[in-house]
Amino acid sequence: LVYQNEIESKQEQIKNLEDRIRKIEDENKEREIAKEREFNNQKRELQELSVKALDEERKKYQELQYDNEQRKIATTQEIDEIKKSHDYEKEKLQEKYDELLKHAYDKHEELQDILDQTKSQFRSEVDVILGKNKEILLSIQKEYETKFQQLQK
């Protein structure tokens, strides 16, 4: 009977220990499930935050892309305006150059006419002077010939 009481007592202790083990295992399972839920919640929150962050970055990128496009358009327009202005200035300068060239050509023609007239006038004067010199030389020659003939007689 003592042994039986002892056996029952040991069986009771074993049962209590088994109950305790089951209780600890249940608590561990509950803690594990709670941790898993918490992990899943945190994971879901991180995914949501990640999606939000990606959306915000995408929006920022799109805004930057839009700003860059606007700047590109503005710069292209500015370049076009500068080109138009440059072309206009170039055209005006070409007109002025053509006008100056025509004026220079007209002046050249005018000066060429004056030069031709002066040459012609100079030749006429030279011809007159040469003609007079020829007459003078001929008269001097005749005079010398006359004097020479007189001296020979």
N, C-alpha and C. Protein backbone atom coordinates (compact mmCIF):
# COMPACT_ATOMS: atom_id res chain seq x y z
N LEU A 1 0.83 -1.19 0.00
CA LEU A 1 0.00 0.00 0.00
C LEU A 1 0.87 1.25 0.00
N VAL A 2 1.94 1.21 0.71
CA VAL A 2 2.86 2.34 0.75
C VAL A 2 3.42 2.55 -0.66
N TYR A 3 3.76 1.40 -1.28
CA TYR A 3 4.29 1.50 -2.63
C TYR A 3 3.24 2.03 -3.58
N GLN A 4 2.05 1.59 -3.34
CA GLN A 4 0.98 2.01 -4.23
C GLN A 4 0.75 3.51 -4.03
N ASN A 5 0.77 3.98 -2.85
CA ASN A 5 0.60 5.41 -2.58
C ASN A 5 1.75 6.18 -3.22
N GLU A 6 2.88 5.59 -3.09
CA GLU A 6 4.05 6.26 -3.66
C GLU A 6 3.93 6.29 -5.19
N ILE A 7 3.48 5.17 -5.76
CA ILE A 7 3.32 5.08 -7.21
C ILE A 7 2.26 6.07 -7.64
N GLU A 8 1.15 6.12 -6.91
CA GLU A 8 0.08 7.07 -7.25
C GLU A 8 0.59 8.50 -7.12
N SER A 9 1.37 8.72 -6.08
CA SER A 9 1.92 10.04 -5.86
C SER A 9 2.85 10.39 -7.02
N LYS A 10 3.67 9.42 -7.44
CA LYS A 10 4.60 9.65 -8.55
C LYS A 10 3.80 9.85 -9.84
N GLN A 11 2.71 9.04 -9.98
CA GLN A 11 1.89 9.18 -11.18
C GLN A 11 1.23 10.56 -11.18
N GLU A 12 0.81 11.00 -10.00
CA GLU A 12 0.20 12.33 -9.87
C GLU A 12 1.24 13.40 -10.23
N GLN A 13 2.46 13.22 -9.74
CA GLN A 13 3.54 14.17 -10.04
C GLN A 13 3.81 14.18 -11.55
N ILE A 14 3.83 12.97 -12.13
CA ILE A 14 4.07 12.85 -13.58
C ILE A 14 2.95 13.55 -14.34
N LYS A 15 1.71 13.31 -13.89
CA LYS A 15 0.55 13.93 -14.54
C LYS A 15 0.64 15.44 -14.40
N ASN A 16 0.99 15.91 -13.21
CA ASN A 16 1.14 17.36 -12.99
C ASN A 16 2.25 17.92 -13.88
N LEU A 17 3.35 17.16 -13.95
CA LEU A 17 4.46 17.60 -14.81
C LEU A 17 4.03 17.62 -16.27
N GLU A 18 3.31 16.58 -16.69
CA GLU A 18 2.83 16.53 -18.06
C GLU A 18 1.88 17.68 -18.33
N ASP A 19 1.00 17.97 -17.34
CA ASP A 19 0.08 19.10 -17.48
C ASP A 19 0.86 20.42 -17.59
N ARG A 20 1.86 20.52 -16.75
CA ARG A 20 2.71 21.71 -16.78
C ARG A 20 3.42 21.85 -18.13
N ILE A 21 3.94 20.70 -18.62
CA ILE A 21 4.63 20.69 -19.91
C ILE A 21 3.66 21.11 -21.01
N ARG A 22 2.43 20.53 -20.98
CA ARG A 22 1.43 20.88 -21.98
C ARG A 22 1.08 22.36 -21.88
N LYS A 23 0.93 22.82 -20.64
CA LYS A 23 0.60 24.23 -20.42
C LYS A 23 1.73 25.12 -20.96
N ILE A 24 2.98 24.74 -20.68
CA ILE A 24 4.15 25.51 -21.17
C ILE A 24 4.20 25.44 -22.70
N GLU A 25 3.93 24.23 -23.24
CA GLU A 25 3.93 24.09 -24.70
C GLU A 25 2.83 24.94 -25.31
N ASP A 26 1.64 24.93 -24.67
CA ASP A 26 0.53 25.75 -25.16
C ASP A 26 0.89 27.24 -25.11
N GLU A 27 1.50 27.63 -23.98
CA GLU A 27 1.92 29.03 -23.84
C GLU A 27 2.96 29.37 -24.91
N ASN A 28 3.91 28.44 -25.10
CA ASN A 28 4.93 28.66 -26.14
C ASN A 28 4.29 28.78 -27.52
N LYS A 29 3.30 27.89 -27.80
CA LYS A 29 2.61 27.96 -29.09
C LYS A 29 1.89 29.29 -29.23
N GLU A 30 1.20 29.71 -28.12
CA GLU A 30 0.49 30.99 -28.16
C GLU A 30 1.46 32.15 -28.38
N ARG A 31 2.62 32.10 -27.67
CA ARG A 31 3.64 33.14 -27.85
C ARG A 31 4.18 33.12 -29.30
N GLU A 32 4.39 31.90 -29.80
CA GLU A 32 4.89 31.75 -31.16
C GLU A 32 3.88 32.30 -32.16
N ILE A 33 2.60 31.98 -31.93
CA ILE A 33 1.54 32.48 -32.82
C ILE A 33 1.45 33.99 -32.70
N ALA A 34 1.54 34.52 -31.48
CA ALA A 34 1.49 35.98 -31.27
C ALA A 34 2.68 36.65 -31.96
N LYS A 35 3.87 36.02 -31.81
CA LYS A 35 5.06 36.58 -32.47
C LYS A 35 4.90 36.53 -33.98
N GLU A 36 4.35 35.43 -34.48
CA GLU A 36 4.15 35.29 -35.92
C GLU A 36 3.16 36.35 -36.41
N ARG A 37 2.07 36.55 -35.62
CA ARG A 37 1.10 37.59 -35.98
C ARG A 37 1.78 38.96 -35.98
N GLU A 38 2.54 39.21 -34.94
CA GLU A 38 3.24 40.49 -34.84
C GLU A 38 4.20 40.65 -36.02
N PHE A 39 4.94 39.57 -36.33
CA PHE A 39 5.85 39.60 -37.46
C PHE A 39 5.10 39.88 -38.75
N ASN A 40 3.97 39.16 -38.95
CA ASN A 40 3.16 39.38 -40.15
C ASN A 40 2.61 40.79 -40.20
N ASN A 41 2.15 41.30 -39.04
CA ASN A 41 1.66 42.69 -38.99
C ASN A 41 2.77 43.67 -39.36
N GLN A 42 3.96 43.47 -38.78
CA GLN A 42 5.08 44.35 -39.08
C GLN A 42 5.48 44.23 -40.55
N LYS A 43 5.44 42.99 -41.04
CA LYS A 43 5.76 42.77 -42.44
C LYS A 43 4.77 43.51 -43.33
N ARG A 44 3.48 43.40 -43.01
CA ARG A 44 2.44 44.08 -43.78
C ARG A 44 2.63 45.60 -43.69
N GLU A 45 2.91 46.10 -42.48
CA GLU A 45 3.14 47.54 -42.31
C GLU A 45 4.34 48.00 -43.12
N LEU A 46 5.40 47.19 -43.09
CA LEU A 46 6.59 47.54 -43.89
C LEU A 46 6.29 47.55 -45.38
N GLN A 47 5.49 46.57 -45.82
CA GLN A 47 5.11 46.53 -47.23
C GLN A 47 4.28 47.76 -47.59
N GLU A 48 3.35 48.11 -46.69
CA GLU A 48 2.52 49.29 -46.94
C GLU A 48 3.39 50.55 -46.99
N LEU A 49 4.32 50.64 -46.02
CA LEU A 49 5.22 51.80 -46.01
C LEU A 49 6.10 51.82 -47.26
N SER A 50 6.55 50.64 -47.65
CA SER A 50 7.37 50.53 -48.85
C SER A 50 6.60 50.98 -50.08
N VAL A 51 5.34 50.53 -50.18
CA VAL A 51 4.49 50.93 -51.32
C VAL A 51 4.28 52.44 -51.29
N LYS A 52 4.00 52.99 -50.09
CA LYS A 52 3.81 54.44 -49.98
C LYS A 52 5.08 55.18 -50.39
N ALA A 53 6.22 54.70 -49.89
CA ALA A 53 7.50 55.34 -50.22
C ALA A 53 7.76 55.26 -51.72
N LEU A 54 7.48 54.10 -52.31
CA LEU A 54 7.66 53.96 -53.75
C LEU A 54 6.74 54.91 -54.52
N ASP A 55 5.48 55.01 -54.05
CA ASP A 55 4.54 55.94 -54.69
C ASP A 55 5.04 57.38 -54.60
N GLU A 56 5.52 57.74 -53.40
CA GLU A 56 6.04 59.10 -53.22
C GLU A 56 7.25 59.34 -54.11
N GLU A 57 8.15 58.37 -54.18
CA GLU A 57 9.33 58.51 -55.03
C GLU A 57 8.92 58.58 -56.50
N ARG A 58 7.94 57.78 -56.88
CA ARG A 58 7.44 57.80 -58.25
C ARG A 58 6.86 59.17 -58.57
N LYS A 59 6.08 59.72 -57.62
CA LYS A 59 5.50 61.05 -57.83
C LYS A 59 6.59 62.10 -57.96
N LYS A 60 7.58 62.03 -57.07
CA LYS A 60 8.70 62.98 -57.14
C LYS A 60 9.41 62.86 -58.48
N TYR A 61 9.64 61.62 -58.91
CA TYR A 61 10.33 61.38 -60.19
C TYR A 61 9.50 61.96 -61.34
N GLN A 62 8.18 61.72 -61.29
CA GLN A 62 7.32 62.24 -62.35
C GLN A 62 7.33 63.77 -62.35
N GLU A 63 7.31 64.36 -61.14
CA GLU A 63 7.37 65.82 -61.05
C GLU A 63 8.68 66.35 -61.62
N LEU A 64 9.79 65.68 -61.26
CA LEU A 64 11.09 66.09 -61.78
C LEU A 64 11.13 65.93 -63.30
N GLN A 65 10.57 64.85 -63.77
CA GLN A 65 10.54 64.61 -65.22
C GLN A 65 9.71 65.70 -65.90
N TYR A 66 8.58 66.05 -65.30
CA TYR A 66 7.73 67.11 -65.86
C TYR A 66 8.49 68.43 -65.86
N ASP A 67 9.13 68.75 -64.72
CA ASP A 67 9.92 69.99 -64.63
C ASP A 67 11.01 70.01 -65.69
N ASN A 68 11.70 68.88 -65.86
CA ASN A 68 12.76 68.81 -66.87
C ASN A 68 12.20 69.02 -68.27
N GLU A 69 11.05 68.44 -68.54
CA GLU A 69 10.42 68.62 -69.85
C GLU A 69 10.06 70.09 -70.08
N GLN A 70 9.50 70.71 -69.02
CA GLN A 70 9.14 72.13 -69.13
C GLN A 70 10.39 72.98 -69.38
N ARG A 71 11.45 72.67 -68.66
CA ARG A 71 12.71 73.41 -68.86
C ARG A 71 13.24 73.19 -70.26
N LYS A 72 13.14 71.95 -70.72
CA LYS A 72 13.62 71.62 -72.07
C LYS A 72 12.82 72.42 -73.11
N ILE A 73 11.51 72.45 -72.93
CA ILE A 73 10.65 73.21 -73.85
C ILE A 73 11.01 74.68 -73.82
N ALA A 74 11.15 75.22 -72.59
CA ALA A 74 11.50 76.64 -72.45
C ALA A 74 12.86 76.93 -73.08
N THR A 75 13.81 76.05 -72.85
CA THR A 75 15.15 76.24 -73.42
C THR A 75 15.10 76.16 -74.94
N THR A 76 14.34 75.22 -75.46
CA THR A 76 14.19 75.09 -76.92
C THR A 76 13.56 76.35 -77.49
N GLN A 77 12.54 76.87 -76.82
CA GLN A 77 11.89 78.10 -77.29
C GLN A 77 12.88 79.26 -77.24
N GLU A 78 13.64 79.34 -76.16
CA GLU A 78 14.62 80.41 -76.02
C GLU A 78 15.67 80.31 -77.13
N ILE A 79 16.12 79.09 -77.40
CA ILE A 79 17.10 78.89 -78.47
C ILE A 79 16.51 79.29 -79.82
N ASP A 80 15.24 78.91 -80.05
CA ASP A 80 14.58 79.28 -81.30
C ASP A 80 14.49 80.81 -81.44
N GLU A 81 14.14 81.48 -80.34
CA GLU A 81 14.05 82.94 -80.37
C GLU A 81 15.42 83.55 -80.66
N ILE A 82 16.45 83.00 -80.02
CA ILE A 82 17.81 83.51 -80.26
C ILE A 82 18.20 83.28 -81.71
N LYS A 83 17.86 82.08 -82.24
CA LYS A 83 18.17 81.80 -83.65
C LYS A 83 17.45 82.78 -84.57
N LYS A 84 16.15 83.03 -84.28
CA LYS A 84 15.39 83.97 -85.10
C LYS A 84 16.02 85.35 -85.05
N SER A 85 16.37 85.77 -83.83
CA SER A 85 17.01 87.07 -83.65
C SER A 85 18.34 87.10 -84.40
N HIS A 86 19.10 86.03 -84.28
CA HIS A 86 20.40 85.94 -84.97
C HIS A 86 20.19 85.99 -86.48
N ASP A 87 19.21 85.24 -86.97
CA ASP A 87 18.93 85.24 -88.41
C ASP A 87 18.51 86.64 -88.87
N TYR A 88 17.68 87.31 -88.05
CA TYR A 88 17.23 88.66 -88.39
C TYR A 88 18.43 89.59 -88.44
N GLU A 89 19.29 89.53 -87.40
CA GLU A 89 20.49 90.37 -87.36
C GLU A 89 21.40 90.07 -88.55
N LYS A 90 21.54 88.80 -88.86
CA LYS A 90 22.38 88.38 -89.98
C LYS A 90 21.83 88.94 -91.28
N GLU A 91 20.50 88.87 -91.43
CA GLU A 91 19.86 89.39 -92.63
C GLU A 91 20.07 90.90 -92.75
N LYS A 92 19.92 91.60 -91.61
CA LYS A 92 20.12 93.06 -91.61
C LYS A 92 21.56 93.40 -91.95
N LEU A 93 22.50 92.65 -91.35
CA LEU A 93 23.91 92.88 -91.65
C LEU A 93 24.22 92.59 -93.12
N GLN A 94 23.60 91.53 -93.67
CA GLN A 94 23.81 91.21 -95.08
C GLN A 94 23.28 92.34 -95.96
N GLU A 95 22.10 92.87 -95.60
CA GLU A 95 21.54 93.99 -96.36
C GLU A 95 22.48 95.19 -96.30
N LYS A 96 22.98 95.49 -95.10
CA LYS A 96 23.89 96.62 -94.93
C LYS A 96 25.18 96.38 -95.72
N TYR A 97 25.67 95.13 -95.67
CA TYR A 97 26.88 94.78 -96.41
C TYR A 97 26.65 94.96 -97.91
N ASP A 98 25.51 94.45 -98.39
CA ASP A 98 25.19 94.58 -99.81
C ASP A 98 25.09 96.06 -100.21
N GLU A 99 24.48 96.86 -99.34
CA GLU A 99 24.33 98.29 -99.60
C GLU A 99 25.72 98.96 -99.65
N LEU A 100 26.57 98.63 -98.68
CA LEU A 100 27.92 99.20 -98.66
C LEU A 100 28.73 98.74 -99.87
N LEU A 101 28.55 97.47 -100.24
CA LEU A 101 29.25 96.95 -101.41
C LEU A 101 28.81 97.67 -102.67
N LYS A 102 27.51 97.90 -102.81
CA LYS A 102 26.99 98.62 -103.97
C LYS A 102 27.53 100.05 -103.97
N HIS A 103 27.53 100.68 -102.79
CA HIS A 103 28.05 102.05 -102.69
C HIS A 103 29.53 102.07 -103.07
N ALA A 104 30.29 101.09 -102.58
CA ALA A 104 31.72 101.01 -102.90
C ALA A 104 31.91 100.79 -104.39
N TYR A 105 31.08 99.93 -104.99
CA TYR A 105 31.17 99.68 -106.43
C TYR A 105 30.86 100.95 -107.21
N ASP A 106 29.79 101.66 -106.79
CA ASP A 106 29.42 102.91 -107.45
C ASP A 106 30.57 103.92 -107.35
N LYS A 107 31.16 104.01 -106.14
CA LYS A 107 32.29 104.94 -105.95
C LYS A 107 33.47 104.53 -106.83
N HIS A 108 33.70 103.21 -106.91
CA HIS A 108 34.78 102.72 -107.75
C HIS A 108 34.55 103.11 -109.21
N GLU A 109 33.30 102.93 -109.65
CA GLU A 109 32.97 103.30 -111.03
C GLU A 109 33.17 104.80 -111.24
N GLU A 110 32.72 105.59 -110.27
CA GLU A 110 32.84 107.05 -110.36
C GLU A 110 34.32 107.44 -110.41
N LEU A 111 35.11 106.84 -109.51
CA LEU A 111 36.54 107.15 -109.50
C LEU A 111 37.23 106.66 -110.77
N GLN A 112 36.79 105.51 -111.28
CA GLN A 112 37.36 104.99 -112.54
C GLN A 112 37.06 105.95 -113.68
N ASP A 113 35.82 106.49 -113.70
CA ASP A 113 35.46 107.47 -114.74
C ASP A 113 36.35 108.72 -114.62
N ILE A 114 36.52 109.19 -113.36
CA ILE A 114 37.37 110.38 -113.14
C ILE A 114 38.80 110.08 -113.58
N LEU A 115 39.29 108.88 -113.22
CA LEU A 115 40.65 108.49 -113.61
C LEU A 115 40.77 108.42 -115.12
N ASP A 116 39.78 107.82 -115.76
CA ASP A 116 39.81 107.74 -117.23
C ASP A 116 39.81 109.14 -117.86
N GLN A 117 38.95 110.04 -117.32
CA GLN A 117 38.90 111.42 -117.83
C GLN A 117 40.24 112.12 -117.61
N THR A 118 40.80 111.91 -116.39
CA THR A 118 42.07 112.56 -116.07
C THR A 118 43.17 112.04 -116.99
N LYS A 119 43.18 110.73 -117.23
CA LYS A 119 44.17 110.14 -118.15
C LYS A 119 44.02 110.74 -119.54
N SER A 120 42.78 110.80 -119.99
CA SER A 120 42.51 111.33 -121.33
C SER A 120 42.95 112.79 -121.41
N GLN A 121 42.61 113.55 -120.38
CA GLN A 121 42.97 114.98 -120.35
C GLN A 121 44.49 115.12 -120.30
N PHE A 122 45.13 114.27 -119.46
CA PHE A 122 46.58 114.30 -119.33
C PHE A 122 47.24 113.96 -120.65
N ARG A 123 46.72 112.96 -121.35
CA ARG A 123 47.28 112.59 -122.66
C ARG A 123 47.13 113.73 -123.66
N SER A 124 45.95 114.36 -123.59
CA SER A 124 45.74 115.49 -124.51
C SER A 124 46.75 116.59 -124.23
N GLU A 125 46.91 116.90 -122.91
CA GLU A 125 47.86 117.95 -122.54
C GLU A 125 49.28 117.54 -122.92
N VAL A 126 49.63 116.26 -122.69
CA VAL A 126 50.95 115.78 -123.06
C VAL A 126 51.13 115.85 -124.58
N ASP A 127 50.08 115.46 -125.31
CA ASP A 127 50.16 115.55 -126.77
C ASP A 127 50.36 116.99 -127.22
N VAL A 128 49.64 117.92 -126.59
CA VAL A 128 49.78 119.34 -126.93
C VAL A 128 51.21 119.78 -126.63
N ILE A 129 51.69 119.42 -125.41
CA ILE A 129 53.06 119.81 -125.02
C ILE A 129 54.07 119.16 -125.97
N LEU A 130 53.88 117.87 -126.28
CA LEU A 130 54.80 117.20 -127.20
C LEU A 130 54.74 117.85 -128.59
N GLY A 131 53.52 118.19 -128.99
CA GLY A 131 53.37 118.88 -130.29
C GLY A 131 54.12 120.20 -130.30
N LYS A 132 53.98 121.00 -129.24
CA LYS A 132 54.67 122.28 -129.13
C LYS A 132 56.18 122.05 -129.08
N ASN A 133 56.58 121.02 -128.27
CA ASN A 133 58.01 120.73 -128.18
C ASN A 133 58.54 120.32 -129.55
N LYS A 134 57.77 119.57 -130.30
CA LYS A 134 58.18 119.13 -131.64
C LYS A 134 58.34 120.35 -132.55
N GLU A 135 57.35 121.26 -132.45
CA GLU A 135 57.41 122.48 -133.26
C GLU A 135 58.65 123.29 -132.90
N ILE A 136 58.86 123.41 -131.56
CA ILE A 136 60.03 124.17 -131.09
C ILE A 136 61.30 123.50 -131.58
N LEU A 137 61.37 122.18 -131.44
CA LEU A 137 62.56 121.46 -131.88
C LEU A 137 62.76 121.61 -133.40
N LEU A 138 61.65 121.52 -134.14
CA LEU A 138 61.75 121.69 -135.59
C LEU A 138 62.23 123.11 -135.96
N SER A 139 61.69 124.09 -135.26
CA SER A 139 62.11 125.48 -135.54
C SER A 139 63.57 125.68 -135.15
N ILE A 140 63.99 125.06 -134.00
CA ILE A 140 65.39 125.15 -133.57
C ILE A 140 66.26 124.45 -134.61
N GLN A 141 65.77 123.28 -135.08
CA GLN A 141 66.54 122.53 -136.07
C GLN A 141 66.69 123.35 -137.36
N LYS A 142 65.60 124.00 -137.77
CA LYS A 142 65.63 124.82 -138.99
C LYS A 142 66.61 125.98 -138.77
N GLU A 143 66.53 126.55 -137.60
CA GLU A 143 67.41 127.68 -137.28
C GLU A 143 68.86 127.24 -137.34
N TYR A 144 69.15 126.07 -136.76
CA TYR A 144 70.53 125.57 -136.78
C TYR A 144 70.96 125.22 -138.21
N GLU A 145 70.03 124.64 -138.93
CA GLU A 145 70.36 124.30 -140.31
C GLU A 145 70.65 125.57 -141.12
N THR A 146 69.85 126.56 -140.89
CA THR A 146 70.04 127.85 -141.59
C THR A 146 71.39 128.44 -141.20
N LYS A 147 71.68 128.48 -139.91
CA LYS A 147 72.92 129.03 -139.43
C LYS A 147 74.09 128.18 -139.93
N PHE A 148 73.89 126.86 -139.94
CA PHE A 148 74.95 125.96 -140.42
C PHE A 148 75.25 126.24 -141.91
N GLN A 149 74.14 126.41 -142.66
CA GLN A 149 74.31 126.69 -144.10
C GLN A 149 74.98 128.04 -144.29
N GLN A 150 74.64 128.98 -143.47
CA GLN A 150 75.25 130.30 -143.58
C GLN A 150 76.73 130.23 -143.22
N LEU A 151 77.02 129.40 -142.28
CA LEU A 151 78.41 129.27 -141.85
C LEU A 151 79.20 128.53 -142.94
N GLN A 152 78.61 127.69 -143.62
CA GLN A 152 79.31 126.96 -144.68
C GLN A 152 79.56 127.87 -145.89
N LYS A 153 78.80 128.84 -146.08
CA LYS A 153 78.96 129.74 -147.24
C LYS A 153 80.03 130.64 -146.92
